């Protein structure tokens, strides 16, 4: 039933900037090696 609700919604195009994850230098410094590798 939930799938039917989701398919009824209008589809909207997204850009890279809409979904990109960005960090400040301070935030980047707080990440460990595994997190930096992921991002």
Protein backbone atom coordinates (compact mmCIF):
# COMPACT_ATOMS: atom_id res chain seq x y z
CA UNK A 1 0.00 0.00 0.00
CA UNK A 2 2.82 2.42 0.85
CA UNK A 3 4.40 1.72 -2.54
CA UNK A 4 1.25 2.93 -4.26
CA UNK A 5 1.46 6.21 -2.38
CA UNK A 6 5.09 6.70 -3.37
CA UNK A 7 4.47 6.03 -7.04
CA UNK A 8 1.68 8.61 -7.16
CA UNK A 9 4.06 11.46 -6.29
CA UNK A 10 5.55 13.63 -9.00
CA UNK A 11 9.15 12.87 -9.88
CA UNK A 12 11.60 15.75 -9.59
CA UNK A 13 15.04 15.90 -11.17
CA UNK A 14 17.93 16.40 -8.78
CA UNK A 15 21.41 17.74 -9.39
CA UNK A 16 24.74 16.66 -7.95
CA UNK A 17 24.64 19.67 -5.61
CA UNK A 18 21.26 18.52 -4.28
CA UNK A 19 22.74 15.27 -2.97
CA UNK A 20 26.45 16.05 -2.45
CA UNK A 21 27.88 15.90 1.06
CA UNK A 22 30.23 18.78 1.82
CA UNK A 23 32.37 19.48 4.87
CA UNK A 24 34.13 22.52 6.26
CA UNK A 25 37.85 22.11 7.00
CA UNK A 26 36.96 21.81 10.69
CA UNK A 27 34.35 19.12 10.04
CA UNK A 28 36.74 17.22 7.75
CA UNK A 29 39.34 17.24 10.51
CA UNK A 30 36.88 15.55 12.86
CA UNK A 31 36.42 12.56 10.55
CA UNK A 32 38.46 9.42 11.07
CA UNK A 33 40.29 7.69 8.22
CA UNK A 34 37.40 5.35 7.40
CA UNK A 35 34.96 8.26 7.19
CA UNK A 36 37.33 10.29 5.01
CA UNK A 37 37.74 7.31 2.70
CA UNK A 38 33.96 6.95 2.44
CA UNK A 39 33.45 10.61 1.55
